[in-house]
Amino acid sequence: MSQKSKVIQLYKTLLYMGHDYPKGYEYFRTRLRRAFNKNKEERNPEKIDKMIEHGNYVIKELEALYMLRKYRTLKNRYG
């Protein structure tokens, strides 16, 4: 898989995950766009790989955030 397709897939995944972001989708989308636009001129493959790894880390953190929010909601509802 090429780096370009990895970056596009990362962007789409993060954009999809932003629908459940606590501060709202628009807030998440503007920050995501800003982050990707800031680094769009990068051509060093090693730096790009490092940024993709960081993006995957952010995905895992968002998943943990959503799971925690779901857990707290269920705990308040039934606990």
PDB file of N, CA and C in Angstrom:
ATOM      1  N   MET A   1       0.846  -1.170   0.000  1.00  0.00           N
ATOM      2  CA  MET A   1       0.000   0.000   0.000  1.00  0.00           C
ATOM      3  C   MET A   1       0.896   1.240   0.000  1.00  0.00           C
ATOM      4  N   SER A   2       0.622   2.165  -0.877  1.00  0.00           N
ATOM      5  CA  SER A   2       1.463   3.356  -0.976  1.00  0.00           C
ATOM      6  C   SER A   2       1.188   4.312   0.187  1.00  0.00           C
ATOM      7  N   GLN A   3       2.123   5.208   0.397  1.00  0.00           N
ATOM      8  CA  GLN A   3       1.962   6.175   1.493  1.00  0.00           C
ATOM      9  C   GLN A   3       0.765   7.082   1.248  1.00  0.00           C
ATOM     10  N   LYS A   4       0.556   7.444   0.006  1.00  0.00           N
ATOM     11  CA  LYS A   4      -0.561   8.339  -0.306  1.00  0.00           C
ATOM     12  C   LYS A   4      -1.887   7.682   0.073  1.00  0.00           C
ATOM     13  N   SER A   5      -2.043   6.417  -0.260  1.00  0.00           N
ATOM     14  CA  SER A   5      -3.290   5.733   0.073  1.00  0.00           C
ATOM     15  C   SER A   5      -3.419   5.528   1.583  1.00  0.00           C
ATOM     16  N   LYS A   6      -2.296   5.322   2.284  1.00  0.00           N
ATOM     17  CA  LYS A   6      -2.340   5.207   3.745  1.00  0.00           C
ATOM     18  C   LYS A   6      -2.799   6.511   4.380  1.00  0.00           C
ATOM     19  N   VAL A   7      -2.298   7.620   3.855  1.00  0.00           N
ATOM     20  CA  VAL A   7      -2.669   8.929   4.400  1.00  0.00           C
ATOM     21  C   VAL A   7      -4.147   9.205   4.139  1.00  0.00           C
ATOM     22  N   ILE A   8      -4.610   8.887   2.944  1.00  0.00           N
ATOM     23  CA  ILE A   8      -6.022   9.110   2.620  1.00  0.00           C
ATOM     24  C   ILE A   8      -6.910   8.232   3.497  1.00  0.00           C
ATOM     25  N   GLN A   9      -6.521   6.979   3.685  1.00  0.00           N
ATOM     26  CA  GLN A   9      -7.293   6.078   4.538  1.00  0.00           C
ATOM     27  C   GLN A   9      -7.303   6.565   5.985  1.00  0.00           C
ATOM     28  N   LEU A  10      -6.179   7.060   6.465  1.00  0.00           N
ATOM     29  CA  LEU A  10      -6.094   7.609   7.820  1.00  0.00           C
ATOM     30  C   LEU A  10      -7.024   8.808   7.967  1.00  0.00           C
ATOM     31  N   TYR A  11      -7.013   9.691   6.978  1.00  0.00           N
ATOM     32  CA  TYR A  11      -7.870  10.877   7.018  1.00  0.00           C
ATOM     33  C   TYR A  11      -9.345  10.475   7.049  1.00  0.00           C
ATOM     34  N   LYS A  12      -9.723   9.532   6.203  1.00  0.00           N
ATOM     35  CA  LYS A  12     -11.120   9.095   6.159  1.00  0.00           C
ATOM     36  C   LYS A  12     -11.545   8.450   7.472  1.00  0.00           C
ATOM     37  N   THR A  13     -10.663   7.651   8.051  1.00  0.00           N
ATOM     38  CA  THR A  13     -10.976   6.996   9.317  1.00  0.00           C
ATOM     39  C   THR A  13     -11.155   8.027  10.426  1.00  0.00           C
ATOM     40  N   LEU A  14     -10.227   8.972  10.495  1.00  0.00           N
ATOM     41  CA  LEU A  14     -10.342  10.009  11.530  1.00  0.00           C
ATOM     42  C   LEU A  14     -11.580  10.870  11.313  1.00  0.00           C
ATOM     43  N   LEU A  15     -11.885  11.178  10.072  1.00  0.00           N
ATOM     44  CA  LEU A  15     -13.069  11.978   9.776  1.00  0.00           C
ATOM     45  C   LEU A  15     -14.336  11.250  10.217  1.00  0.00           C
ATOM     46  N   TYR A  16     -14.383   9.954   9.960  1.00  0.00           N
ATOM     47  CA  TYR A  16     -15.534   9.152  10.380  1.00  0.00           C
ATOM     48  C   TYR A  16     -15.644   9.118  11.903  1.00  0.00           C
ATOM     49  N   MET A  17     -14.514   8.952  12.569  1.00  0.00           N
ATOM     50  CA  MET A  17     -14.535   8.884  14.027  1.00  0.00           C
ATOM     51  C   MET A  17     -14.909  10.223  14.656  1.00  0.00           C
ATOM     52  N   GLY A  18     -14.744  11.291  13.930  1.00  0.00           N
ATOM     53  CA  GLY A  18     -15.058  12.613  14.451  1.00  0.00           C
ATOM     54  C   GLY A  18     -16.535  12.862  14.652  1.00  0.00           C
ATOM     55  N   HIS A  19     -17.388  12.013  14.109  1.00  0.00           N
ATOM     56  CA  HIS A  19     -18.833  12.209  14.267  1.00  0.00           C
ATOM     57  C   HIS A  19     -19.262  12.108  15.729  1.00  0.00           C
ATOM     58  N   ASP A  20     -18.532  11.343  16.519  1.00  0.00           N
ATOM     59  CA  ASP A  20     -18.890  11.165  17.933  1.00  0.00           C
ATOM     60  C   ASP A  20     -18.039  12.004  18.871  1.00  0.00           C
ATOM     61  N   TYR A  21     -17.259  12.921  18.344  1.00  0.00           N
ATOM     62  CA  TYR A  21     -16.353  13.705  19.181  1.00  0.00           C
ATOM     63  C   TYR A  21     -17.158  14.587  20.129  1.00  0.00           C
ATOM     64  N   PRO A  22     -16.755  14.674  21.403  1.00  0.00           N
ATOM     65  CA  PRO A  22     -17.541  15.429  22.399  1.00  0.00           C
ATOM     66  C   PRO A  22     -17.750  16.907  22.062  1.00  0.00           C
ATOM     67  N   LYS A  23     -16.782  17.558  21.443  1.00  0.00           N
ATOM     68  CA  LYS A  23     -16.931  18.981  21.140  1.00  0.00           C
ATOM     69  C   LYS A  23     -17.653  19.226  19.819  1.00  0.00           C
ATOM     70  N   GLY A  24     -18.021  18.182  19.124  1.00  0.00           N
ATOM     71  CA  GLY A  24     -18.790  18.313  17.893  1.00  0.00           C
ATOM     72  C   GLY A  24     -17.964  17.993  16.658  1.00  0.00           C
ATOM     73  N   TYR A  25     -18.691  17.638  15.612  1.00  0.00           N
ATOM     74  CA  TYR A  25     -18.051  17.214  14.369  1.00  0.00           C
ATOM     75  C   TYR A  25     -17.336  18.360  13.673  1.00  0.00           C
ATOM     76  N   GLU A  26     -17.934  19.536  13.652  1.00  0.00           N
ATOM     77  CA  GLU A  26     -17.320  20.679  12.965  1.00  0.00           C
ATOM     78  C   GLU A  26     -15.990  21.064  13.608  1.00  0.00           C
ATOM     79  N   TYR A  27     -15.951  21.065  14.921  1.00  0.00           N
ATOM     80  CA  TYR A  27     -14.716  21.366  15.641  1.00  0.00           C
ATOM     81  C   TYR A  27     -13.636  20.364  15.278  1.00  0.00           C
ATOM     82  N   PHE A  28     -13.991  19.083  15.285  1.00  0.00           N
ATOM     83  CA  PHE A  28     -13.034  18.022  14.987  1.00  0.00           C
ATOM     84  C   PHE A  28     -12.560  18.120  13.536  1.00  0.00           C
ATOM     85  N   ARG A  29     -13.488  18.359  12.623  1.00  0.00           N
ATOM     86  CA  ARG A  29     -13.143  18.405  11.202  1.00  0.00           C
ATOM     87  C   ARG A  29     -12.208  19.561  10.881  1.00  0.00           C
ATOM     88  N   THR A  30     -12.451  20.723  11.465  1.00  0.00           N
ATOM     89  CA  THR A  30     -11.569  21.860  11.185  1.00  0.00           C
ATOM     90  C   THR A  30     -10.169  21.624  11.735  1.00  0.00           C
ATOM     91  N   ARG A  31     -10.069  21.032  12.915  1.00  0.00           N
ATOM     92  CA  ARG A  31      -8.743  20.737  13.477  1.00  0.00           C
ATOM     93  C   ARG A  31      -8.031  19.652  12.684  1.00  0.00           C
ATOM     94  N   LEU A  32      -8.785  18.669  12.219  1.00  0.00           N
ATOM     95  CA  LEU A  32      -8.199  17.599  11.414  1.00  0.00           C
ATOM     96  C   LEU A  32      -7.668  18.148  10.094  1.00  0.00           C
ATOM     97  N   ARG A  33      -8.452  18.974   9.442  1.00  0.00           N
ATOM     98  CA  ARG A  33      -8.010  19.596   8.183  1.00  0.00           C
ATOM     99  C   ARG A  33      -6.763  20.439   8.390  1.00  0.00           C
ATOM    100  N   ARG A  34      -6.758  21.203   9.459  1.00  0.00           N
ATOM    101  CA  ARG A  34      -5.606  22.053   9.756  1.00  0.00           C
ATOM    102  C   ARG A  34      -4.342  21.210   9.943  1.00  0.00           C
ATOM    103  N   ALA A  35      -4.478  20.101  10.651  1.00  0.00           N
ATOM    104  CA  ALA A  35      -3.320  19.232  10.901  1.00  0.00           C
ATOM    105  C   ALA A  35      -2.814  18.609   9.604  1.00  0.00           C
ATOM    106  N   PHE A  36      -3.708  18.161   8.753  1.00  0.00           N
ATOM    107  CA  PHE A  36      -3.281  17.538   7.501  1.00  0.00           C
ATOM    108  C   PHE A  36      -2.731  18.580   6.529  1.00  0.00           C
ATOM    109  N   ASN A  37      -3.338  19.757   6.493  1.00  0.00           N
ATOM    110  CA  ASN A  37      -2.830  20.811   5.592  1.00  0.00           C
ATOM    111  C   ASN A  37      -1.468  21.328   6.022  1.00  0.00           C
ATOM    112  N   LYS A  38      -1.215  21.322   7.325  1.00  0.00           N
ATOM    113  CA  LYS A  38       0.066  21.804   7.828  1.00  0.00           C
ATOM    114  C   LYS A  38       1.214  20.937   7.318  1.00  0.00           C
ATOM    115  N   ASN A  39       0.952  19.659   7.121  1.00  0.00           N
ATOM    116  CA  ASN A  39       1.996  18.724   6.733  1.00  0.00           C
ATOM    117  C   ASN A  39       1.885  18.244   5.291  1.00  0.00           C
ATOM    118  N   LYS A  40       1.092  18.912   4.483  1.00  0.00           N
ATOM    119  CA  LYS A  40       0.872  18.416   3.124  1.00  0.00           C
ATOM    120  C   LYS A  40       2.090  18.557   2.214  1.00  0.00           C
ATOM    121  N   GLU A  41       3.040  19.402   2.563  1.00  0.00           N
ATOM    122  CA  GLU A  41       4.230  19.595   1.736  1.00  0.00           C
ATOM    123  C   GLU A  41       5.374  18.654   2.104  1.00  0.00           C
ATOM    124  N   GLU A  42       5.162  17.817   3.107  1.00  0.00           N
ATOM    125  CA  GLU A  42       6.223  16.905   3.552  1.00  0.00           C
ATOM    126  C   GLU A  42       6.494  15.838   2.491  1.00  0.00           C
ATOM    127  N   ARG A  43       7.764  15.608   2.178  1.00  0.00           N
ATOM    128  CA  ARG A  43       8.142  14.627   1.155  1.00  0.00           C
ATOM    129  C   ARG A  43       9.058  13.525   1.694  1.00  0.00           C
ATOM    130  N   ASN A  44       9.541  13.674   2.917  1.00  0.00           N
ATOM    131  CA  ASN A  44      10.433  12.691   3.517  1.00  0.00           C
ATOM    132  C   ASN A  44       9.622  11.453   3.929  1.00  0.00           C
ATOM    133  N   PRO A  45       9.883  10.281   3.291  1.00  0.00           N
ATOM    134  CA  PRO A  45       9.090   9.084   3.593  1.00  0.00           C
ATOM    135  C   PRO A  45       9.155   8.651   5.061  1.00  0.00           C
ATOM    136  N   GLU A  46      10.292   8.851   5.702  1.00  0.00           N
ATOM    137  CA  GLU A  46      10.414   8.450   7.107  1.00  0.00           C
ATOM    138  C   GLU A  46       9.533   9.314   8.000  1.00  0.00           C
ATOM    139  N   LYS A  47       9.514  10.616   7.732  1.00  0.00           N
ATOM    140  CA  LYS A  47       8.663  11.507   8.521  1.00  0.00           C
ATOM    141  C   LYS A  47       7.190  11.208   8.270  1.00  0.00           C
ATOM    142  N   ILE A  48       6.855  10.891   7.029  1.00  0.00           N
ATOM    143  CA  ILE A  48       5.468  10.569   6.703  1.00  0.00           C
ATOM    144  C   ILE A  48       5.040   9.298   7.431  1.00  0.00           C
ATOM    145  N   ASP A  49       5.906   8.291   7.452  1.00  0.00           N
ATOM    146  CA  ASP A  49       5.592   7.064   8.189  1.00  0.00           C
ATOM    147  C   ASP A  49       5.395   7.341   9.669  1.00  0.00           C
ATOM    148  N   LYS A  50       6.227   8.215  10.215  1.00  0.00           N
ATOM    149  CA  LYS A  50       6.109   8.573  11.631  1.00  0.00           C
ATOM    150  C   LYS A  50       4.777   9.291  11.899  1.00  0.00           C
ATOM    151  N   MET A  51       4.379  10.159  10.990  1.00  0.00           N
ATOM    152  CA  MET A  51       3.098  10.861  11.154  1.00  0.00           C
ATOM    153  C   MET A  51       1.918   9.903  11.007  1.00  0.00           C
ATOM    154  N   ILE A  52       2.034   8.916  10.124  1.00  0.00           N
ATOM    155  CA  ILE A  52       0.973   7.911   9.983  1.00  0.00           C
ATOM    156  C   ILE A  52       0.856   7.097  11.263  1.00  0.00           C
ATOM    157  N   GLU A  53       1.989   6.730  11.851  1.00  0.00           N
ATOM    158  CA  GLU A  53       1.969   6.011  13.125  1.00  0.00           C
ATOM    159  C   GLU A  53       1.303   6.849  14.210  1.00  0.00           C
ATOM    160  N   HIS A  54       1.605   8.137  14.229  1.00  0.00           N
ATOM    161  CA  HIS A  54       0.975   9.025  15.211  1.00  0.00           C
ATOM    162  C   HIS A  54      -0.541   9.098  14.973  1.00  0.00           C
ATOM    163  N   GLY A  55      -0.945   9.141  13.719  1.00  0.00           N
ATOM    164  CA  GLY A  55      -2.367   9.152  13.398  1.00  0.00           C
ATOM    165  C   GLY A  55      -3.062   7.884  13.869  1.00  0.00           C
ATOM    166  N   ASN A  56      -2.408   6.744  13.713  1.00  0.00           N
ATOM    167  CA  ASN A  56      -2.986   5.488  14.193  1.00  0.00           C
ATOM    168  C   ASN A  56      -3.083   5.476  15.711  1.00  0.00           C
ATOM    169  N   TYR A  57      -2.119   6.100  16.369  1.00  0.00           N
ATOM    170  CA  TYR A  57      -2.166   6.239  17.826  1.00  0.00           C
ATOM    171  C   TYR A  57      -3.369   7.098  18.235  1.00  0.00           C
ATOM    172  N   VAL A  58      -3.608   8.166  17.501  1.00  0.00           N
ATOM    173  CA  VAL A  58      -4.749   9.038  17.790  1.00  0.00           C
ATOM    174  C   VAL A  58      -6.056   8.270  17.615  1.00  0.00           C
ATOM    175  N   ILE A  59      -6.126   7.402  16.621  1.00  0.00           N
ATOM    176  CA  ILE A  59      -7.328   6.583  16.423  1.00  0.00           C
ATOM    177  C   ILE A  59      -7.569   5.708  17.644  1.00  0.00           C
ATOM    178  N   LYS A  60      -6.530   5.085  18.147  1.00  0.00           N
ATOM    179  CA  LYS A  60      -6.664   4.238  19.333  1.00  0.00           C
ATOM    180  C   LYS A  60      -7.096   5.051  20.553  1.00  0.00           C
ATOM    181  N   GLU A  61      -6.567   6.257  20.684  1.00  0.00           N
ATOM    182  CA  GLU A  61      -6.958   7.123  21.798  1.00  0.00           C
ATOM    183  C   GLU A  61      -8.423   7.540  21.686  1.00  0.00           C
ATOM    184  N   LEU A  62      -8.877   7.840  20.479  1.00  0.00           N
ATOM    185  CA  LEU A  62     -10.288   8.201  20.288  1.00  0.00           C
ATOM    186  C   LEU A  62     -11.194   7.020  20.616  1.00  0.00           C
ATOM    187  N   GLU A  63     -10.797   5.822  20.198  1.00  0.00           N
ATOM    188  CA  GLU A  63     -11.587   4.643  20.533  1.00  0.00           C
ATOM    189  C   GLU A  63     -11.685   4.475  22.042  1.00  0.00           C
ATOM    190  N   ALA A  64     -10.586   4.682  22.745  1.00  0.00           N
ATOM    191  CA  ALA A  64     -10.597   4.571  24.204  1.00  0.00           C
ATOM    192  C   ALA A  64     -11.497   5.639  24.821  1.00  0.00           C
ATOM    193  N   LEU A  65     -11.449   6.842  24.287  1.00  0.00           N
ATOM    194  CA  LEU A  65     -12.301   7.932  24.776  1.00  0.00           C
ATOM    195  C   LEU A  65     -13.771   7.586  24.608  1.00  0.00           C
ATOM    196  N   TYR A  66     -14.126   7.051  23.444  1.00  0.00           N
ATOM    197  CA  TYR A  66     -15.525   6.710  23.187  1.00  0.00           C
ATOM    198  C   TYR A  66     -15.986   5.553  24.062  1.00  0.00           C
ATOM    199  N   MET A  67     -15.115   4.572  24.273  1.00  0.00           N
ATOM    200  CA  MET A  67     -15.475   3.446  25.134  1.00  0.00           C
ATOM    201  C   MET A  67     -15.675   3.907  26.578  1.00  0.00           C
ATOM    202  N   LEU A  68     -14.819   4.806  27.039  1.00  0.00           N
ATOM    203  CA  LEU A  68     -14.947   5.330  28.394  1.00  0.00           C
ATOM    204  C   LEU A  68     -16.244   6.116  28.548  1.00  0.00           C
ATOM    205  N   ARG A  69     -16.573   6.892  27.551  1.00  0.00           N
ATOM    206  CA  ARG A  69     -17.821   7.668  27.608  1.00  0.00           C
ATOM    207  C   ARG A  69     -19.027   6.735  27.639  1.00  0.00           C
ATOM    208  N   LYS A  70     -18.962   5.679  26.828  1.00  0.00           N
ATOM    209  CA  LYS A  70     -20.055   4.710  26.809  1.00  0.00           C
ATOM    210  C   LYS A  70     -20.163   4.001  28.159  1.00  0.00           C
ATOM    211  N   TYR A  71     -19.023   3.637  28.736  1.00  0.00           N
ATOM    212  CA  TYR A  71     -19.010   2.975  30.041  1.00  0.00           C
ATOM    213  C   TYR A  71     -19.609   3.877  31.116  1.00  0.00           C
ATOM    214  N   ARG A  72     -19.212   5.135  31.116  1.00  0.00           N
ATOM    215  CA  ARG A  72     -19.732   6.062  32.132  1.00  0.00           C
ATOM    216  C   ARG A  72     -21.230   6.267  31.981  1.00  0.00           C
ATOM    217  N   THR A  73     -21.699   6.320  30.754  1.00  0.00           N
ATOM    218  CA  THR A  73     -23.132   6.471  30.523  1.00  0.00           C
ATOM    219  C   THR A  73     -23.892   5.270  31.059  1.00  0.00           C
ATOM    220  N   LEU A  74     -23.413   4.078  30.756  1.00  0.00           N
ATOM    221  CA  LEU A  74     -24.083   2.874  31.261  1.00  0.00           C
ATOM    222  C   LEU A  74     -24.005   2.781  32.777  1.00  0.00           C
ATOM    223  N   LYS A  75     -22.888   3.180  33.342  1.00  0.00           N
ATOM    224  CA  LYS A  75     -22.733   3.130  34.803  1.00  0.00           C
ATOM    225  C   LYS A  75     -23.708   4.101  35.464  1.00  0.00           C
ATOM    226  N   ASN A  76     -23.857   5.285  34.911  1.00  0.00           N
ATOM    227  CA  ASN A  76     -24.797   6.256  35.486  1.00  0.00           C
ATOM    228  C   ASN A  76     -26.245   5.806  35.296  1.00  0.00           C
ATOM    229  N   ARG A  77     -26.511   5.138  34.215  1.00  0.00           N
ATOM    230  CA  ARG A  77     -27.874   4.709  33.926  1.00  0.00           C
ATOM    231  C   ARG A  77     -28.295   3.557  34.835  1.00  0.00           C
ATOM    232  N   TYR A  78     -27.397   2.606  35.085  1.00  0.00           N
ATOM    233  CA  TYR A  78     -27.770   1.416  35.846  1.00  0.00           C
ATOM    234  C   TYR A  78     -27.100   1.328  37.213  1.00  0.00           C
ATOM    235  N   GLY A  79     -26.201   2.224  37.528  1.00  0.00           N
ATOM    236  CA  GLY A  79     -25.457   2.096  38.781  1.00  0.00           C
ATOM    237  C   GLY A  79     -25.919   3.002  39.798  1.00  0.00           C
TER     238      GLY A  79
END
